[in-house]
C-alpha cells in the first residue's frame, strides 16, 4: 500500500496562496467609513442646527465611532418649560440637585463635565422640541441659545460639540 505524504509548499508558494486571503481579512477589519470620513465631516464643529437629513441612529453611531458622548432627549411629551427641563434632566441623567432652570441647564452642559477632565466631544440630539402656547417661540429660542452657548464654551476648549434638534 502506497504512503501519501502531505507536501508543504515552499515559503514563496505559501505567501502567494495566502496573500489574497490576508488582503480579504484586512478589508473585513477595515471600517466602511474611515474615521476622517464620518457623518459629521461636512458639519461645522460646535454648532446647533436642525437635524434635517440626519437620522438619530446614524448620529449615535457616528458619536460612538468618534468616541464622543451621545446625549439624546425626546421632548414630545413636554408642554411647558418645566416639562422640557424635567425631561432633559431625566434623559441626560443630570444630578438630583439640578436646579431645573436654563442657567442650571447651561451649568450641567459645561461646568461639571469640564471639571471631570478631558472630554472627547459631544453629539446632542433634542428631538421634538414642543411648539405649544406654554413653550412658545421665545422659550424654544432660549433653549437653543443654551446649547449654542454650550457649543461656544466647548469650542473655546477645542472640544467638538454638535447639537441637532427638531420641532414637534
N, C-alpha and C. Protein backbone atom coordinates (compact mmCIF):
# COMPACT_ATOMS: atom_id res chain seq x y z
N UNK A 1 0.85 -1.16 0.00
CA UNK A 1 0.00 0.00 0.00
C UNK A 1 0.90 1.24 0.00
N UNK A 2 0.64 2.17 -0.92
CA UNK A 2 1.50 3.34 -1.01
C UNK A 2 1.25 4.29 0.15
N UNK A 3 2.26 5.02 0.53
CA UNK A 3 2.16 6.00 1.60
C UNK A 3 2.06 7.38 0.97
N UNK A 4 1.16 8.16 1.49
CA UNK A 4 1.00 9.54 0.99
C UNK A 4 1.52 10.50 2.04
N UNK A 5 2.30 11.43 1.60
CA UNK A 5 2.84 12.43 2.49
C UNK A 5 2.28 13.79 2.08
N UNK A 6 1.88 14.53 3.05
CA UNK A 6 1.44 15.90 2.77
C UNK A 6 2.65 16.70 2.39
N UNK A 7 2.59 17.33 1.28
CA UNK A 7 3.72 18.13 0.82
C UNK A 7 3.50 19.57 1.26
N UNK A 8 4.47 20.11 1.93
CA UNK A 8 4.41 21.51 2.38
C UNK A 8 4.92 22.36 1.23
N UNK A 9 4.10 23.32 0.77
CA UNK A 9 4.58 24.17 -0.31
C UNK A 9 5.74 25.04 0.18
N UNK A 10 6.50 25.49 -0.74
CA UNK A 10 7.63 26.35 -0.37
C UNK A 10 7.08 27.64 0.23
N UNK A 11 7.93 28.38 0.89
CA UNK A 11 7.52 29.64 1.53
C UNK A 11 6.97 30.61 0.49
N UNK A 12 7.54 30.63 -0.69
CA UNK A 12 7.07 31.55 -1.74
C UNK A 12 5.66 31.16 -2.19
N UNK A 13 5.43 29.83 -2.37
CA UNK A 13 4.10 29.39 -2.77
C UNK A 13 3.09 29.67 -1.65
N UNK A 14 3.48 29.48 -0.40
CA UNK A 14 2.61 29.73 0.74
C UNK A 14 2.20 31.19 0.77
N UNK A 15 3.16 32.09 0.56
CA UNK A 15 2.89 33.53 0.57
C UNK A 15 1.94 33.89 -0.56
N UNK A 16 2.20 33.36 -1.75
CA UNK A 16 1.37 33.68 -2.92
C UNK A 16 -0.06 33.18 -2.72
N UNK A 17 -0.21 32.02 -2.13
CA UNK A 17 -1.53 31.46 -1.92
C UNK A 17 -2.30 32.23 -0.84
N UNK A 18 -1.64 32.61 0.25
CA UNK A 18 -2.31 33.25 1.37
C UNK A 18 -2.47 34.76 1.22
N UNK A 19 -1.75 35.39 0.29
CA UNK A 19 -1.83 36.84 0.16
C UNK A 19 -3.26 37.33 -0.12
N UNK A 20 -3.98 36.73 -1.08
CA UNK A 20 -5.36 37.20 -1.28
C UNK A 20 -6.23 37.01 -0.03
N UNK A 21 -6.00 35.96 0.72
CA UNK A 21 -6.76 35.75 1.95
C UNK A 21 -6.43 36.82 2.97
N UNK A 22 -5.15 37.18 3.06
CA UNK A 22 -4.73 38.22 4.00
C UNK A 22 -5.35 39.56 3.62
N UNK A 23 -5.38 39.85 2.32
CA UNK A 23 -5.98 41.11 1.85
C UNK A 23 -7.47 41.15 2.20
N UNK A 24 -8.16 40.03 1.95
CA UNK A 24 -9.59 39.99 2.26
C UNK A 24 -9.83 40.14 3.76
N UNK A 25 -9.01 39.52 4.57
CA UNK A 25 -9.15 39.65 6.02
C UNK A 25 -8.93 41.09 6.46
N UNK A 26 -7.95 41.74 5.86
CA UNK A 26 -7.68 43.15 6.20
C UNK A 26 -8.86 44.02 5.78
N UNK A 27 -9.45 43.74 4.63
CA UNK A 27 -10.62 44.51 4.18
C UNK A 27 -11.78 44.36 5.15
N UNK A 28 -11.96 43.17 5.68
CA UNK A 28 -13.07 42.93 6.61
C UNK A 28 -12.86 43.67 7.91
N UNK A 29 -11.61 43.88 8.31
CA UNK A 29 -11.31 44.60 9.55
C UNK A 29 -11.36 46.11 9.37
N UNK A 30 -11.36 46.57 8.14
CA UNK A 30 -11.38 48.00 7.87
C UNK A 30 -12.81 48.50 7.96
N UNK A 31 -13.07 49.58 8.74
CA UNK A 31 -14.42 50.10 8.82
C UNK A 31 -14.88 50.60 7.46
N UNK A 32 -16.20 50.56 7.25
CA UNK A 32 -16.75 51.03 5.98
C UNK A 32 -16.47 52.51 5.79
N UNK A 33 -16.49 53.26 6.88
CA UNK A 33 -16.22 54.69 6.85
C UNK A 33 -14.94 54.97 7.60
N UNK A 34 -13.91 55.48 6.95
CA UNK A 34 -12.71 55.85 7.71
C UNK A 34 -13.07 56.91 8.74
N UNK A 35 -12.28 56.98 9.82
CA UNK A 35 -12.57 57.93 10.90
C UNK A 35 -12.68 59.36 10.42
N UNK A 36 -11.83 59.74 9.44
CA UNK A 36 -11.88 61.11 8.97
C UNK A 36 -13.04 61.35 7.99
N UNK A 37 -13.73 60.30 7.64
CA UNK A 37 -14.86 60.43 6.71
C UNK A 37 -16.13 60.00 7.43
N UNK A 38 -16.48 60.67 8.50
CA UNK A 38 -17.65 60.31 9.27
C UNK A 38 -18.84 61.18 8.86
N UNK A 39 -19.97 60.90 9.42
CA UNK A 39 -21.21 61.61 9.10
C UNK A 39 -21.10 63.11 9.35
N UNK A 40 -20.28 63.51 10.28
CA UNK A 40 -20.17 64.92 10.65
C UNK A 40 -19.04 65.65 9.92
N UNK A 41 -18.42 64.99 8.95
CA UNK A 41 -17.26 65.59 8.28
C UNK A 41 -17.59 66.92 7.61
N UNK A 42 -18.83 67.10 7.14
CA UNK A 42 -19.22 68.35 6.48
C UNK A 42 -20.01 69.28 7.39
N UNK A 43 -20.09 68.92 8.67
CA UNK A 43 -20.81 69.75 9.63
C UNK A 43 -19.78 70.58 10.39
N UNK A 44 -20.01 71.87 10.40
CA UNK A 44 -19.10 72.75 11.13
C UNK A 44 -19.09 72.34 12.60
N UNK A 45 -17.93 72.25 13.22
CA UNK A 45 -17.91 71.85 14.64
C UNK A 45 -18.51 72.95 15.52
N UNK A 46 -18.99 72.55 16.65
CA UNK A 46 -19.53 73.46 17.65
C UNK A 46 -20.67 74.31 17.08
N UNK A 47 -21.70 73.58 16.69
CA UNK A 47 -22.85 74.20 16.06
C UNK A 47 -24.13 73.58 16.60
N UNK A 48 -25.20 74.36 16.55
CA UNK A 48 -26.54 73.89 16.88
C UNK A 48 -27.35 74.07 15.60
N UNK A 49 -27.89 72.97 15.09
CA UNK A 49 -28.61 73.05 13.82
C UNK A 49 -29.75 72.05 13.77
N UNK A 50 -30.65 72.28 12.84
CA UNK A 50 -31.78 71.38 12.62
C UNK A 50 -31.25 70.01 12.22
N UNK A 51 -31.93 68.97 12.65
CA UNK A 51 -31.49 67.61 12.37
C UNK A 51 -31.67 67.26 10.89
N UNK A 52 -32.62 67.86 10.23
CA UNK A 52 -32.92 67.70 8.81
C UNK A 52 -32.68 66.31 8.27
N UNK A 53 -31.62 66.14 7.49
CA UNK A 53 -31.38 64.89 6.79
C UNK A 53 -30.71 63.82 7.64
N UNK A 54 -30.35 64.15 8.86
CA UNK A 54 -29.69 63.17 9.71
C UNK A 54 -30.71 62.30 10.42
N UNK A 55 -30.34 61.05 10.65
CA UNK A 55 -31.16 60.16 11.45
C UNK A 55 -30.49 59.98 12.80
N UNK A 56 -31.31 59.88 13.83
CA UNK A 56 -30.78 59.78 15.19
C UNK A 56 -29.82 58.61 15.32
N UNK A 57 -30.21 57.47 14.79
CA UNK A 57 -29.36 56.28 14.90
C UNK A 57 -27.99 56.52 14.25
N UNK A 58 -27.98 57.20 13.10
CA UNK A 58 -26.71 57.47 12.42
C UNK A 58 -25.84 58.43 13.24
N UNK A 59 -26.47 59.42 13.86
CA UNK A 59 -25.72 60.35 14.72
C UNK A 59 -25.15 59.61 15.93
N UNK A 60 -25.94 58.71 16.50
CA UNK A 60 -25.48 57.93 17.64
C UNK A 60 -24.29 57.05 17.23
N UNK A 61 -24.39 56.43 16.09
CA UNK A 61 -23.31 55.56 15.61
C UNK A 61 -22.05 56.38 15.32
N UNK A 62 -22.22 57.55 14.76
CA UNK A 62 -21.07 58.42 14.49
C UNK A 62 -20.41 58.85 15.79
N UNK A 63 -21.22 59.21 16.79
CA UNK A 63 -20.66 59.56 18.10
C UNK A 63 -19.86 58.40 18.66
N UNK A 64 -20.39 57.19 18.54
CA UNK A 64 -19.68 56.01 19.03
C UNK A 64 -18.35 55.83 18.29
N UNK A 65 -18.38 55.96 16.96
CA UNK A 65 -17.15 55.79 16.17
C UNK A 65 -16.10 56.82 16.55
N UNK A 66 -16.55 58.03 16.85
CA UNK A 66 -15.61 59.10 17.19
C UNK A 66 -15.20 59.07 18.65
N UNK A 67 -15.89 58.25 19.45
CA UNK A 67 -15.61 58.20 20.88
C UNK A 67 -16.19 59.38 21.63
N UNK A 68 -17.22 60.01 21.06
CA UNK A 68 -17.85 61.18 21.69
C UNK A 68 -19.02 60.75 22.58
N UNK A 69 -19.37 61.64 23.51
CA UNK A 69 -20.57 61.43 24.30
C UNK A 69 -21.78 61.63 23.39
N UNK A 70 -22.81 60.82 23.56
CA UNK A 70 -24.05 60.99 22.81
C UNK A 70 -25.16 61.25 23.82
N UNK A 71 -25.78 62.42 23.70
CA UNK A 71 -26.87 62.80 24.59
C UNK A 71 -28.13 62.94 23.76
N UNK A 72 -29.17 62.24 24.17
CA UNK A 72 -30.43 62.23 23.42
C UNK A 72 -31.59 62.55 24.35
N UNK A 73 -32.46 63.43 23.87
CA UNK A 73 -33.69 63.72 24.62
C UNK A 73 -34.84 63.82 23.65
N UNK A 74 -35.91 63.07 23.93
CA UNK A 74 -37.15 63.19 23.17
C UNK A 74 -38.10 64.01 24.03
N UNK A 75 -38.47 65.17 23.52
CA UNK A 75 -39.27 66.13 24.28
C UNK A 75 -40.72 66.18 23.82
N UNK A 76 -41.17 65.16 23.12
CA UNK A 76 -42.52 65.15 22.53
C UNK A 76 -43.63 65.30 23.56
N UNK A 77 -43.42 64.84 24.78
CA UNK A 77 -44.49 64.89 25.79
C UNK A 77 -44.43 66.16 26.64
N UNK A 78 -43.51 67.04 26.35
CA UNK A 78 -43.40 68.29 27.11
C UNK A 78 -44.41 69.31 26.60
N UNK A 79 -44.95 70.07 27.53
CA UNK A 79 -45.88 71.14 27.18
C UNK A 79 -45.37 72.50 27.64
N UNK A 80 -44.55 72.49 28.70
CA UNK A 80 -44.09 73.73 29.32
C UNK A 80 -42.56 73.72 29.45
N UNK A 81 -42.04 74.86 29.85
CA UNK A 81 -40.60 74.96 30.10
C UNK A 81 -40.18 73.97 31.18
N UNK A 82 -40.99 73.87 32.23
CA UNK A 82 -40.67 72.95 33.32
C UNK A 82 -40.67 71.51 32.83
N UNK A 83 -41.63 71.15 31.96
CA UNK A 83 -41.66 69.80 31.38
C UNK A 83 -40.38 69.53 30.59
N UNK A 84 -39.97 70.51 29.78
CA UNK A 84 -38.75 70.35 28.97
C UNK A 84 -37.55 70.13 29.88
N UNK A 85 -37.42 70.95 30.90
CA UNK A 85 -36.28 70.82 31.82
C UNK A 85 -36.32 69.49 32.58
N UNK A 86 -37.52 69.07 32.98
CA UNK A 86 -37.65 67.77 33.67
C UNK A 86 -37.21 66.62 32.76
N UNK A 87 -37.66 66.66 31.50
CA UNK A 87 -37.29 65.58 30.57
C UNK A 87 -35.80 65.60 30.25
N UNK A 88 -35.23 66.79 30.09
CA UNK A 88 -33.79 66.87 29.85
C UNK A 88 -33.01 66.31 31.04
N UNK A 89 -33.42 66.70 32.24
CA UNK A 89 -32.74 66.21 33.44
C UNK A 89 -32.82 64.69 33.53
N UNK A 90 -33.99 64.16 33.22
CA UNK A 90 -34.19 62.72 33.30
C UNK A 90 -33.41 61.98 32.21
N UNK A 91 -33.51 62.45 30.97
CA UNK A 91 -32.91 61.73 29.85
C UNK A 91 -31.40 61.96 29.73
N UNK A 92 -30.90 63.09 30.21
CA UNK A 92 -29.46 63.34 30.20
C UNK A 92 -28.79 62.89 31.50
N UNK A 93 -29.60 62.35 32.41
CA UNK A 93 -29.10 61.83 33.69
C UNK A 93 -28.38 62.91 34.51
N UNK A 94 -29.00 64.08 34.62
CA UNK A 94 -28.45 65.15 35.43
C UNK A 94 -28.53 64.77 36.90
N UNK A 95 -27.67 65.36 37.72
CA UNK A 95 -27.69 65.05 39.16
C UNK A 95 -29.00 65.52 39.80
N UNK A 96 -29.32 64.94 40.93
CA UNK A 96 -30.57 65.24 41.63
C UNK A 96 -30.68 66.71 42.01
N UNK A 97 -29.56 67.37 42.21
CA UNK A 97 -29.58 68.78 42.63
C UNK A 97 -29.76 69.75 41.46
N UNK A 98 -30.02 69.23 40.24
CA UNK A 98 -30.23 70.08 39.07
C UNK A 98 -31.33 71.09 39.37
N UNK A 99 -31.06 72.37 39.16
CA UNK A 99 -31.96 73.46 39.53
C UNK A 99 -33.18 73.63 38.66
N UNK A 100 -33.27 72.94 37.55
CA UNK A 100 -34.41 72.98 36.64
C UNK A 100 -34.76 74.39 36.20
N UNK A 101 -33.72 75.10 35.73
CA UNK A 101 -33.90 76.38 35.06
C UNK A 101 -32.83 76.44 33.98
N UNK A 102 -32.92 77.42 33.10
CA UNK A 102 -31.99 77.48 31.98
C UNK A 102 -30.55 77.71 32.41
N UNK A 103 -30.33 78.47 33.48
CA UNK A 103 -28.96 78.66 33.98
C UNK A 103 -28.37 77.34 34.45
N UNK A 104 -29.17 76.57 35.17
CA UNK A 104 -28.71 75.26 35.66
C UNK A 104 -28.47 74.30 34.50
N UNK A 105 -29.28 74.40 33.45
CA UNK A 105 -29.08 73.56 32.26
C UNK A 105 -27.71 73.86 31.64
N UNK A 106 -27.42 75.13 31.48
CA UNK A 106 -26.11 75.51 30.93
C UNK A 106 -24.98 74.98 31.82
N UNK A 107 -25.13 75.16 33.12
CA UNK A 107 -24.11 74.67 34.05
C UNK A 107 -23.89 73.17 33.90
N UNK A 108 -24.97 72.41 33.79
CA UNK A 108 -24.84 70.95 33.67
C UNK A 108 -24.21 70.54 32.34
N UNK A 109 -24.40 71.35 31.30
CA UNK A 109 -23.84 71.02 30.00
C UNK A 109 -22.37 71.42 29.88
N UNK A 110 -21.86 72.16 30.87
CA UNK A 110 -20.49 72.65 30.76
C UNK A 110 -19.65 72.36 31.99
N UNK A 111 -19.95 73.01 33.08
CA UNK A 111 -19.06 73.02 34.25
C UNK A 111 -18.69 71.66 34.81
N UNK A 112 -19.66 70.83 35.21
CA UNK A 112 -19.27 69.53 35.80
C UNK A 112 -18.49 68.66 34.82
N UNK A 113 -18.84 68.74 33.54
CA UNK A 113 -18.14 67.94 32.54
C UNK A 113 -16.71 68.43 32.37
N UNK A 114 -16.55 69.75 32.40
CA UNK A 114 -15.21 70.32 32.28
C UNK A 114 -14.35 69.91 33.46
N UNK A 115 -14.94 69.95 34.65
CA UNK A 115 -14.19 69.58 35.86
C UNK A 115 -13.86 68.09 35.92
N UNK A 116 -14.59 67.28 35.15
CA UNK A 116 -14.36 65.84 35.15
C UNK A 116 -13.10 65.45 34.38
N UNK A 117 -12.51 66.40 33.68
CA UNK A 117 -11.28 66.10 32.95
C UNK A 117 -11.49 66.25 31.45
N UNK A 118 -10.49 65.84 30.69
CA UNK A 118 -10.58 65.97 29.23
C UNK A 118 -11.82 65.26 28.68
N UNK A 119 -12.47 65.91 27.74
CA UNK A 119 -13.67 65.35 27.13
C UNK A 119 -13.39 65.03 25.66
N UNK A 120 -13.96 63.94 25.15
CA UNK A 120 -13.69 63.55 23.76
C UNK A 120 -14.51 64.34 22.74
N UNK A 121 -15.65 64.86 23.13
CA UNK A 121 -16.55 65.55 22.21
C UNK A 121 -17.98 65.15 22.51
N UNK A 122 -18.93 65.85 21.88
CA UNK A 122 -20.34 65.64 22.18
C UNK A 122 -21.17 65.67 20.90
N UNK A 123 -22.14 64.78 20.84
CA UNK A 123 -23.20 64.83 19.84
C UNK A 123 -24.48 64.82 20.64
N UNK A 124 -25.28 65.89 20.50
CA UNK A 124 -26.50 66.06 21.28
C UNK A 124 -27.68 66.10 20.31
N UNK A 125 -28.75 65.38 20.67
CA UNK A 125 -29.97 65.42 19.86
C UNK A 125 -31.13 65.80 20.77
N UNK A 126 -31.82 66.87 20.37
CA UNK A 126 -33.04 67.33 21.05
C UNK A 126 -34.18 67.09 20.05
N UNK A 127 -34.88 66.01 20.25
CA UNK A 127 -35.91 65.63 19.29
C UNK A 127 -37.29 66.08 19.75
N UNK A 128 -38.04 66.63 18.81
CA UNK A 128 -39.43 67.03 19.01
C UNK A 128 -39.60 68.07 20.11
N UNK A 129 -38.83 69.15 20.00
CA UNK A 129 -39.00 70.27 20.92
C UNK A 129 -40.41 70.78 20.75
N UNK A 130 -41.16 70.97 21.84
CA UNK A 130 -42.56 71.35 21.70
C UNK A 130 -42.76 72.75 21.13
N UNK A 131 -43.86 72.91 20.47
CA UNK A 131 -44.30 74.21 19.96
C UNK A 131 -45.73 74.42 20.47
N UNK A 132 -45.82 74.78 21.73
CA UNK A 132 -47.12 74.96 22.38
C UNK A 132 -47.24 76.40 22.88
N UNK A 133 -48.43 76.75 23.30
CA UNK A 133 -48.65 78.09 23.85
C UNK A 133 -47.78 78.31 25.09
N UNK A 134 -47.56 77.26 25.87
CA UNK A 134 -46.76 77.38 27.10
C UNK A 134 -45.26 77.18 26.87
N UNK A 135 -44.89 76.78 25.66
CA UNK A 135 -43.48 76.70 25.27
C UNK A 135 -43.40 77.29 23.87
N UNK A 136 -43.48 78.61 23.84
CA UNK A 136 -43.58 79.35 22.58
C UNK A 136 -42.23 79.55 21.91
N UNK A 137 -42.25 80.31 20.81
CA UNK A 137 -41.03 80.54 20.03
C UNK A 137 -39.91 81.12 20.89
N UNK A 138 -40.24 82.04 21.76
CA UNK A 138 -39.22 82.66 22.62
C UNK A 138 -38.59 81.61 23.54
N UNK A 139 -39.38 80.74 24.13
CA UNK A 139 -38.86 79.68 25.00
C UNK A 139 -37.98 78.71 24.21
N UNK A 140 -38.42 78.39 22.99
CA UNK A 140 -37.61 77.48 22.15
C UNK A 140 -36.26 78.12 21.82
N UNK A 141 -36.26 79.40 21.50
CA UNK A 141 -35.01 80.09 21.19
C UNK A 141 -34.10 80.17 22.42
N UNK A 142 -34.70 80.39 23.59
CA UNK A 142 -33.90 80.40 24.82
C UNK A 142 -33.25 79.05 25.05
N UNK A 143 -34.01 77.99 24.83
CA UNK A 143 -33.47 76.63 24.98
C UNK A 143 -32.30 76.41 24.02
N UNK A 144 -32.51 76.74 22.76
CA UNK A 144 -31.45 76.54 21.77
C UNK A 144 -30.25 77.44 22.05
N UNK A 145 -30.50 78.63 22.61
CA UNK A 145 -29.38 79.52 22.99
C UNK A 145 -28.50 78.89 24.05
N UNK A 146 -29.10 78.14 24.96
CA UNK A 146 -28.31 77.43 25.98
C UNK A 146 -27.34 76.47 25.29
N UNK A 147 -27.84 75.75 24.30
CA UNK A 147 -26.99 74.79 23.61
C UNK A 147 -25.99 75.50 22.69
N UNK A 148 -26.35 76.65 22.15
CA UNK A 148 -25.38 77.44 21.37
C UNK A 148 -24.25 77.93 22.28
N UNK A 149 -24.64 78.38 23.48
CA UNK A 149 -23.62 78.83 24.45
C UNK A 149 -22.72 77.67 24.87
N UNK A 150 -23.32 76.49 25.05
CA UNK A 150 -22.52 75.31 25.41
C UNK A 150 -21.57 74.95 24.26
N UNK A 151 -22.05 75.06 23.02
CA UNK A 151 -21.20 74.78 21.86
C UNK A 151 -20.03 75.76 21.82
N UNK A 152 -20.29 77.01 22.11
CA UNK A 152 -19.23 78.02 22.15
C UNK A 152 -18.23 77.71 23.27
N UNK A 153 -18.76 77.35 24.44
CA UNK A 153 -17.92 77.00 25.59
C UNK A 153 -16.95 75.89 25.21
N UNK A 154 -17.48 74.81 24.63
CA UNK A 154 -16.63 73.68 24.28
C UNK A 154 -15.72 74.02 23.10
N UNK A 155 -16.20 74.86 22.20
CA UNK A 155 -15.36 75.28 21.08
C UNK A 155 -14.13 76.04 21.54
N UNK A 156 -14.29 76.88 22.57
CA UNK A 156 -13.14 77.60 23.13
C UNK A 156 -12.11 76.64 23.71
N UNK A 157 -12.55 75.46 24.07
CA UNK A 157 -11.65 74.45 24.64
C UNK A 157 -11.22 73.42 23.59
N UNK A 158 -11.59 73.71 22.34
CA UNK A 158 -11.25 72.84 21.21
C UNK A 158 -11.84 71.44 21.35
N UNK A 159 -13.06 71.38 21.87
CA UNK A 159 -13.81 70.13 22.02
C UNK A 159 -15.03 70.23 21.11
N UNK A 160 -15.24 69.22 20.26
CA UNK A 160 -16.38 69.22 19.35
C UNK A 160 -17.69 69.10 20.12
N UNK A 161 -18.66 69.90 19.77
CA UNK A 161 -20.00 69.87 20.39
C UNK A 161 -20.99 70.18 19.28
N UNK A 162 -21.67 69.15 18.80
CA UNK A 162 -22.67 69.31 17.75
C UNK A 162 -24.03 68.98 18.32
N UNK A 163 -24.96 69.90 18.16
CA UNK A 163 -26.32 69.71 18.68
C UNK A 163 -27.30 69.76 17.52
N UNK A 164 -28.15 68.78 17.44
CA UNK A 164 -29.16 68.68 16.39
C UNK A 164 -30.53 68.69 17.05
N UNK A 165 -31.47 69.38 16.43
CA UNK A 165 -32.81 69.47 17.04
C UNK A 165 -33.89 69.36 15.98
N UNK A 166 -35.08 69.01 16.45
CA UNK A 166 -36.27 69.03 15.61
C UNK A 166 -37.42 69.55 16.44
N UNK A 167 -38.42 70.09 15.78
CA UNK A 167 -39.60 70.58 16.47
C UNK A 167 -40.74 69.60 16.29
N UNK A 168 -41.61 69.59 17.25
CA UNK A 168 -42.79 68.71 17.22
C UNK A 168 -43.77 69.21 16.20
